[in-house]
Amino acid sequence: MKVTYKKLWKLLIDKNLKKIDLLELAPISTSTLAKLGKDEYVSMDALVKISTALNVDIGDIISLKNNTAEGDN
């Protein structure tokens, strides 16, 4: 399984926020923001900071996706 942060990006759009705004709202680093943009793993601490800053649940910013190719069983 891989992580995806599509929910986070949609939430930012819905709240009329940009990625740079997220750096100001949640005390995360630019490297964490870059990892989010690449759907890479980030620390639980960073996810808690983001969800707290946006006043949402962690499940509202992250989801899991199946990384197996179609046709694989």
PDB file of N, CA and C in Angstrom:
ATOM      1  N   MET A   1       0.833  -1.186   0.000  1.00  0.00           N
ATOM      2  CA  MET A   1       0.000   0.000   0.000  1.00  0.00           C
ATOM      3  C   MET A   1       0.878   1.250   0.000  1.00  0.00           C
ATOM      4  N   LYS A   2       0.417   2.249  -0.686  1.00  0.00           N
ATOM      5  CA  LYS A   2       1.093   3.544  -0.712  1.00  0.00           C
ATOM      6  C   LYS A   2       0.144   4.591  -0.160  1.00  0.00           C
ATOM      7  N   VAL A   3       0.707   5.703   0.242  1.00  0.00           N
ATOM      8  CA  VAL A   3      -0.122   6.799   0.730  1.00  0.00           C
ATOM      9  C   VAL A   3      -0.360   7.798  -0.397  1.00  0.00           C
ATOM     10  N   THR A   4      -1.456   8.503  -0.284  1.00  0.00           N
ATOM     11  CA  THR A   4      -1.729   9.607  -1.192  1.00  0.00           C
ATOM     12  C   THR A   4      -2.338  10.748  -0.376  1.00  0.00           C
ATOM     13  N   TYR A   5      -1.993  11.944  -0.773  1.00  0.00           N
ATOM     14  CA  TYR A   5      -2.465  13.132  -0.055  1.00  0.00           C
ATOM     15  C   TYR A   5      -3.419  13.951  -0.914  1.00  0.00           C
ATOM     16  N   LYS A   6      -4.096  13.293  -1.865  1.00  0.00           N
ATOM     17  CA  LYS A   6      -5.049  13.991  -2.727  1.00  0.00           C
ATOM     18  C   LYS A   6      -6.141  14.675  -1.908  1.00  0.00           C
ATOM     19  N   LYS A   7      -6.539  14.036  -0.816  1.00  0.00           N
ATOM     20  CA  LYS A   7      -7.559  14.641   0.053  1.00  0.00           C
ATOM     21  C   LYS A   7      -7.063  15.970   0.625  1.00  0.00           C
ATOM     22  N   LEU A   8      -5.787  16.021   0.983  1.00  0.00           N
ATOM     23  CA  LEU A   8      -5.206  17.254   1.518  1.00  0.00           C
ATOM     24  C   LEU A   8      -5.254  18.359   0.478  1.00  0.00           C
ATOM     25  N   TRP A   9      -4.838  18.050  -0.748  1.00  0.00           N
ATOM     26  CA  TRP A   9      -4.801  19.078  -1.796  1.00  0.00           C
ATOM     27  C   TRP A   9      -6.207  19.568  -2.120  1.00  0.00           C
ATOM     28  N   LYS A  10      -7.189  18.655  -2.129  1.00  0.00           N
ATOM     29  CA  LYS A  10      -8.575  19.070  -2.377  1.00  0.00           C
ATOM     30  C   LYS A  10      -9.072  19.952  -1.234  1.00  0.00           C
ATOM     31  N   LEU A  11      -8.716  19.579  -0.015  1.00  0.00           N
ATOM     32  CA  LEU A  11      -9.118  20.364   1.153  1.00  0.00           C
ATOM     33  C   LEU A  11      -8.539  21.771   1.091  1.00  0.00           C
ATOM     34  N   LEU A  12      -7.281  21.885   0.689  1.00  0.00           N
ATOM     35  CA  LEU A  12      -6.665  23.211   0.558  1.00  0.00           C
ATOM     36  C   LEU A  12      -7.399  24.046  -0.489  1.00  0.00           C
ATOM     37  N   ILE A  13      -7.757  23.423  -1.600  1.00  0.00           N
ATOM     38  CA  ILE A  13      -8.520  24.139  -2.639  1.00  0.00           C
ATOM     39  C   ILE A  13      -9.859  24.593  -2.085  1.00  0.00           C
ATOM     40  N   ASP A  14     -10.555  23.689  -1.384  1.00  0.00           N
ATOM     41  CA  ASP A  14     -11.858  24.023  -0.802  1.00  0.00           C
ATOM     42  C   ASP A  14     -11.764  25.174   0.196  1.00  0.00           C
ATOM     43  N   LYS A  15     -10.641  25.254   0.911  1.00  0.00           N
ATOM     44  CA  LYS A  15     -10.448  26.323   1.897  1.00  0.00           C
ATOM     45  C   LYS A  15      -9.752  27.545   1.299  1.00  0.00           C
ATOM     46  N   ASN A  16      -9.553  27.514  -0.030  1.00  0.00           N
ATOM     47  CA  ASN A  16      -8.914  28.613  -0.755  1.00  0.00           C
ATOM     48  C   ASN A  16      -7.510  28.908  -0.205  1.00  0.00           C
ATOM     49  N   LEU A  17      -6.773  27.828   0.048  1.00  0.00           N
ATOM     50  CA  LEU A  17      -5.418  27.943   0.570  1.00  0.00           C
ATOM     51  C   LEU A  17      -4.431  27.377  -0.443  1.00  0.00           C
ATOM     52  N   LYS A  18      -3.208  27.854  -0.378  1.00  0.00           N
ATOM     53  CA  LYS A  18      -2.129  27.340  -1.222  1.00  0.00           C
ATOM     54  C   LYS A  18      -1.173  26.533  -0.362  1.00  0.00           C
ATOM     55  N   LYS A  19      -0.297  25.779  -1.018  1.00  0.00           N
ATOM     56  CA  LYS A  19       0.671  24.973  -0.270  1.00  0.00           C
ATOM     57  C   LYS A  19       1.533  25.844   0.632  1.00  0.00           C
ATOM     58  N   ILE A  20       1.890  27.008   0.167  1.00  0.00           N
ATOM     59  CA  ILE A  20       2.712  27.918   0.970  1.00  0.00           C
ATOM     60  C   ILE A  20       1.969  28.348   2.237  1.00  0.00           C
ATOM     61  N   ASP A  21       0.642  28.461   2.147  1.00  0.00           N
ATOM     62  CA  ASP A  21      -0.168  28.799   3.318  1.00  0.00           C
ATOM     63  C   ASP A  21      -0.091  27.694   4.364  1.00  0.00           C
ATOM     64  N   LEU A  22       0.022  26.459   3.889  1.00  0.00           N
ATOM     65  CA  LEU A  22       0.110  25.330   4.806  1.00  0.00           C
ATOM     66  C   LEU A  22       1.371  25.415   5.661  1.00  0.00           C
ATOM     67  N   LEU A  23       2.451  25.911   5.073  1.00  0.00           N
ATOM     68  CA  LEU A  23       3.693  26.080   5.836  1.00  0.00           C
ATOM     69  C   LEU A  23       3.518  27.068   6.979  1.00  0.00           C
ATOM     70  N   GLU A  24       2.692  28.077   6.762  1.00  0.00           N
ATOM     71  CA  GLU A  24       2.466  29.084   7.795  1.00  0.00           C
ATOM     72  C   GLU A  24       1.481  28.600   8.858  1.00  0.00           C
ATOM     73  N   LEU A  25       0.461  27.850   8.434  1.00  0.00           N
ATOM     74  CA  LEU A  25      -0.561  27.377   9.366  1.00  0.00           C
ATOM     75  C   LEU A  25      -0.055  26.246  10.258  1.00  0.00           C
ATOM     76  N   ALA A  26       0.601  25.297   9.640  1.00  0.00           N
ATOM     77  CA  ALA A  26       1.114  24.138  10.381  1.00  0.00           C
ATOM     78  C   ALA A  26       2.638  24.246  10.403  1.00  0.00           C
ATOM     79  N   PRO A  27       3.236  24.129  11.547  1.00  0.00           N
ATOM     80  CA  PRO A  27       4.702  24.256  11.606  1.00  0.00           C
ATOM     81  C   PRO A  27       5.406  23.016  11.031  1.00  0.00           C
ATOM     82  N   ILE A  28       5.391  22.909   9.695  1.00  0.00           N
ATOM     83  CA  ILE A  28       6.085  21.816   9.020  1.00  0.00           C
ATOM     84  C   ILE A  28       7.200  22.400   8.160  1.00  0.00           C
ATOM     85  N   SER A  29       8.133  21.573   7.806  1.00  0.00           N
ATOM     86  CA  SER A  29       9.271  22.035   7.008  1.00  0.00           C
ATOM     87  C   SER A  29       8.957  21.989   5.519  1.00  0.00           C
ATOM     88  N   THR A  30       9.782  22.676   4.757  1.00  0.00           N
ATOM     89  CA  THR A  30       9.616  22.642   3.303  1.00  0.00           C
ATOM     90  C   THR A  30       9.905  21.241   2.762  1.00  0.00           C
ATOM     91  N   SER A  31      10.795  20.507   3.415  1.00  0.00           N
ATOM     92  CA  SER A  31      11.066  19.134   2.964  1.00  0.00           C
ATOM     93  C   SER A  31       9.856  18.227   3.200  1.00  0.00           C
ATOM     94  N   THR A  32       9.136  18.447   4.288  1.00  0.00           N
ATOM     95  CA  THR A  32       7.906  17.691   4.530  1.00  0.00           C
ATOM     96  C   THR A  32       6.878  18.026   3.475  1.00  0.00           C
ATOM     97  N   LEU A  33       6.756  19.292   3.133  1.00  0.00           N
ATOM     98  CA  LEU A  33       5.818  19.701   2.090  1.00  0.00           C
ATOM     99  C   LEU A  33       6.186  19.055   0.756  1.00  0.00           C
ATOM    100  N   ALA A  34       7.481  18.974   0.466  1.00  0.00           N
ATOM    101  CA  ALA A  34       7.931  18.329  -0.770  1.00  0.00           C
ATOM    102  C   ALA A  34       7.570  16.845  -0.771  1.00  0.00           C
ATOM    103  N   LYS A  35       7.739  16.182   0.363  1.00  0.00           N
ATOM    104  CA  LYS A  35       7.374  14.763   0.466  1.00  0.00           C
ATOM    105  C   LYS A  35       5.886  14.575   0.258  1.00  0.00           C
ATOM    106  N   LEU A  36       5.085  15.475   0.820  1.00  0.00           N
ATOM    107  CA  LEU A  36       3.639  15.401   0.627  1.00  0.00           C
ATOM    108  C   LEU A  36       3.300  15.508  -0.862  1.00  0.00           C
ATOM    109  N   GLY A  37       3.980  16.399  -1.544  1.00  0.00           N
ATOM    110  CA  GLY A  37       3.736  16.605  -2.966  1.00  0.00           C
ATOM    111  C   GLY A  37       4.106  15.403  -3.814  1.00  0.00           C
ATOM    112  N   LYS A  38       5.012  14.568  -3.294  1.00  0.00           N
ATOM    113  CA  LYS A  38       5.449  13.369  -4.022  1.00  0.00           C
ATOM    114  C   LYS A  38       4.765  12.102  -3.516  1.00  0.00           C
ATOM    115  N   ASP A  39       3.756  12.268  -2.651  1.00  0.00           N
ATOM    116  CA  ASP A  39       3.060  11.122  -2.034  1.00  0.00           C
ATOM    117  C   ASP A  39       4.026  10.179  -1.333  1.00  0.00           C
ATOM    118  N   GLU A  40       5.004  10.760  -0.641  1.00  0.00           N
ATOM    119  CA  GLU A  40       5.940   9.973   0.152  1.00  0.00           C
ATOM    120  C   GLU A  40       5.493   9.989   1.607  1.00  0.00           C
ATOM    121  N   TYR A  41       6.009   9.046   2.372  1.00  0.00           N
ATOM    122  CA  TYR A  41       5.661   8.982   3.780  1.00  0.00           C
ATOM    123  C   TYR A  41       6.219  10.180   4.534  1.00  0.00           C
ATOM    124  N   VAL A  42       5.403  10.722   5.437  1.00  0.00           N
ATOM    125  CA  VAL A  42       5.843  11.767   6.359  1.00  0.00           C
ATOM    126  C   VAL A  42       5.522  11.294   7.776  1.00  0.00           C
ATOM    127  N   SER A  43       6.091  11.949   8.747  1.00  0.00           N
ATOM    128  CA  SER A  43       5.893  11.513  10.129  1.00  0.00           C
ATOM    129  C   SER A  43       4.453  11.737  10.585  1.00  0.00           C
ATOM    130  N   MET A  44       4.068  10.944  11.557  1.00  0.00           N
ATOM    131  CA  MET A  44       2.740  11.100  12.150  1.00  0.00           C
ATOM    132  C   MET A  44       2.643  12.470  12.809  1.00  0.00           C
ATOM    133  N   ASP A  45       3.735  12.946  13.356  1.00  0.00           N
ATOM    134  CA  ASP A  45       3.765  14.268  13.983  1.00  0.00           C
ATOM    135  C   ASP A  45       3.382  15.349  12.966  1.00  0.00           C
ATOM    136  N   ALA A  46       3.929  15.247  11.754  1.00  0.00           N
ATOM    137  CA  ALA A  46       3.608  16.225  10.714  1.00  0.00           C
ATOM    138  C   ALA A  46       2.135  16.144  10.330  1.00  0.00           C
ATOM    139  N   LEU A  47       1.598  14.937  10.233  1.00  0.00           N
ATOM    140  CA  LEU A  47       0.183  14.772   9.885  1.00  0.00           C
ATOM    141  C   LEU A  47      -0.720  15.347  10.972  1.00  0.00           C
ATOM    142  N   VAL A  48      -0.323  15.164  12.220  1.00  0.00           N
ATOM    143  CA  VAL A  48      -1.101  15.722  13.336  1.00  0.00           C
ATOM    144  C   VAL A  48      -1.062  17.247  13.287  1.00  0.00           C
ATOM    145  N   LYS A  49       0.102  17.820  13.008  1.00  0.00           N
ATOM    146  CA  LYS A  49       0.214  19.277  12.912  1.00  0.00           C
ATOM    147  C   LYS A  49      -0.682  19.822  11.804  1.00  0.00           C
ATOM    148  N   ILE A  50      -0.685  19.155  10.663  1.00  0.00           N
ATOM    149  CA  ILE A  50      -1.496  19.608   9.529  1.00  0.00           C
ATOM    150  C   ILE A  50      -2.981  19.482   9.845  1.00  0.00           C
ATOM    151  N   SER A  51      -3.395  18.327  10.357  1.00  0.00           N
ATOM    152  CA  SER A  51      -4.812  18.138  10.646  1.00  0.00           C
ATOM    153  C   SER A  51      -5.294  19.085  11.743  1.00  0.00           C
ATOM    154  N   THR A  52      -4.445  19.371  12.717  1.00  0.00           N
ATOM    155  CA  THR A  52      -4.810  20.318  13.774  1.00  0.00           C
ATOM    156  C   THR A  52      -4.939  21.731  13.207  1.00  0.00           C
ATOM    157  N   ALA A  53      -3.995  22.112  12.366  1.00  0.00           N
ATOM    158  CA  ALA A  53      -4.029  23.452  11.783  1.00  0.00           C
ATOM    159  C   ALA A  53      -5.253  23.652  10.893  1.00  0.00           C
ATOM    160  N   LEU A  54      -5.669  22.603  10.208  1.00  0.00           N
ATOM    161  CA  LEU A  54      -6.822  22.704   9.312  1.00  0.00           C
ATOM    162  C   LEU A  54      -8.129  22.320   9.994  1.00  0.00           C
ATOM    163  N   ASN A  55      -8.022  21.916  11.269  1.00  0.00           N
ATOM    164  CA  ASN A  55      -9.186  21.538  12.072  1.00  0.00           C
ATOM    165  C   ASN A  55      -9.969  20.391  11.417  1.00  0.00           C
ATOM    166  N   VAL A  56      -9.226  19.354  11.010  1.00  0.00           N
ATOM    167  CA  VAL A  56      -9.826  18.164  10.406  1.00  0.00           C
ATOM    168  C   VAL A  56      -9.212  16.916  11.022  1.00  0.00           C
ATOM    169  N   ASP A  57      -9.786  15.778  10.710  1.00  0.00           N
ATOM    170  CA  ASP A  57      -9.262  14.490  11.141  1.00  0.00           C
ATOM    171  C   ASP A  57      -8.135  14.066  10.203  1.00  0.00           C
ATOM    172  N   ILE A  58      -7.209  13.256  10.672  1.00  0.00           N
ATOM    173  CA  ILE A  58      -6.115  12.794   9.819  1.00  0.00           C
ATOM    174  C   ILE A  58      -6.646  12.075   8.585  1.00  0.00           C
ATOM    175  N   GLY A  59      -7.722  11.338   8.744  1.00  0.00           N
ATOM    176  CA  GLY A  59      -8.330  10.631   7.614  1.00  0.00           C
ATOM    177  C   GLY A  59      -8.862  11.556   6.537  1.00  0.00           C
ATOM    178  N   ASP A  60      -9.004  12.836   6.859  1.00  0.00           N
ATOM    179  CA  ASP A  60      -9.468  13.813   5.879  1.00  0.00           C
ATOM    180  C   ASP A  60      -8.337  14.340   5.004  1.00  0.00           C
ATOM    181  N   ILE A  61      -7.082  13.977   5.319  1.00  0.00           N
ATOM    182  CA  ILE A  61      -5.961  14.496   4.538  1.00  0.00           C
ATOM    183  C   ILE A  61      -5.109  13.404   3.896  1.00  0.00           C
ATOM    184  N   ILE A  62      -5.311  12.168   4.294  1.00  0.00           N
ATOM    185  CA  ILE A  62      -4.488  11.070   3.787  1.00  0.00           C
ATOM    186  C   ILE A  62      -5.358   9.863   3.476  1.00  0.00           C
ATOM    187  N   SER A  63      -4.971   9.119   2.462  1.00  0.00           N
ATOM    188  CA  SER A  63      -5.629   7.843   2.192  1.00  0.00           C
ATOM    189  C   SER A  63      -4.592   6.865   1.659  1.00  0.00           C
ATOM    190  N   LEU A  64      -4.957   5.613   1.662  1.00  0.00           N
ATOM    191  CA  LEU A  64      -4.078   4.560   1.163  1.00  0.00           C
ATOM    192  C   LEU A  64      -4.545   4.140  -0.216  1.00  0.00           C
ATOM    193  N   LYS A  65      -3.577   3.813  -1.073  1.00  0.00           N
ATOM    194  CA  LYS A  65      -3.950   3.302  -2.392  1.00  0.00           C
ATOM    195  C   LYS A  65      -3.217   1.999  -2.632  1.00  0.00           C
ATOM    196  N   ASN A  66      -3.870   1.116  -3.317  1.00  0.00           N
ATOM    197  CA  ASN A  66      -3.294  -0.173  -3.641  1.00  0.00           C
ATOM    198  C   ASN A  66      -2.285   0.023  -4.755  1.00  0.00           C
ATOM    199  N   ASN A  67      -1.084  -0.495  -4.594  1.00  0.00           N
ATOM    200  CA  ASN A  67      -0.041  -0.274  -5.597  1.00  0.00           C
ATOM    201  C   ASN A  67       0.212  -1.493  -6.476  1.00  0.00           C
ATOM    202  N   THR A  68      -0.708  -2.455  -6.495  1.00  0.00           N
ATOM    203  CA  THR A  68      -0.536  -3.599  -7.372  1.00  0.00           C
ATOM    204  C   THR A  68      -1.060  -3.263  -8.761  1.00  0.00           C
ATOM    205  N   ALA A  69      -0.430  -3.812  -9.758  1.00  0.00           N
ATOM    206  CA  ALA A  69      -0.840  -3.559 -11.143  1.00  0.00           C
ATOM    207  C   ALA A  69      -2.147  -4.289 -11.428  1.00  0.00           C
ATOM    208  N   GLU A  70      -2.925  -3.748 -12.366  1.00  0.00           N
ATOM    209  CA  GLU A  70      -4.176  -4.403 -12.734  1.00  0.00           C
ATOM    210  C   GLU A  70      -3.859  -5.777 -13.289  1.00  0.00           C
ATOM    211  N   GLY A  71      -4.695  -6.719 -12.957  1.00  0.00           N
ATOM    212  CA  GLY A  71      -4.512  -8.066 -13.432  1.00  0.00           C
ATOM    213  C   GLY A  71      -3.723  -8.939 -12.468  1.00  0.00           C
ATOM    214  N   ASP A  72      -3.023  -8.323 -11.500  1.00  0.00           N
ATOM    215  CA  ASP A  72      -2.292  -9.094 -10.503  1.00  0.00           C
ATOM    216  C   ASP A  72      -3.271  -9.576  -9.446  1.00  0.00           C
ATOM    217  N   ASN A  73      -3.144 -10.806  -9.035  1.00  0.00           N
ATOM    218  CA  ASN A  73      -4.032 -11.338  -8.000  1.00  0.00           C
ATOM    219  C   ASN A  73      -3.254 -11.802  -6.823  1.00  0.00           C
TER     220      ASN A  73
END
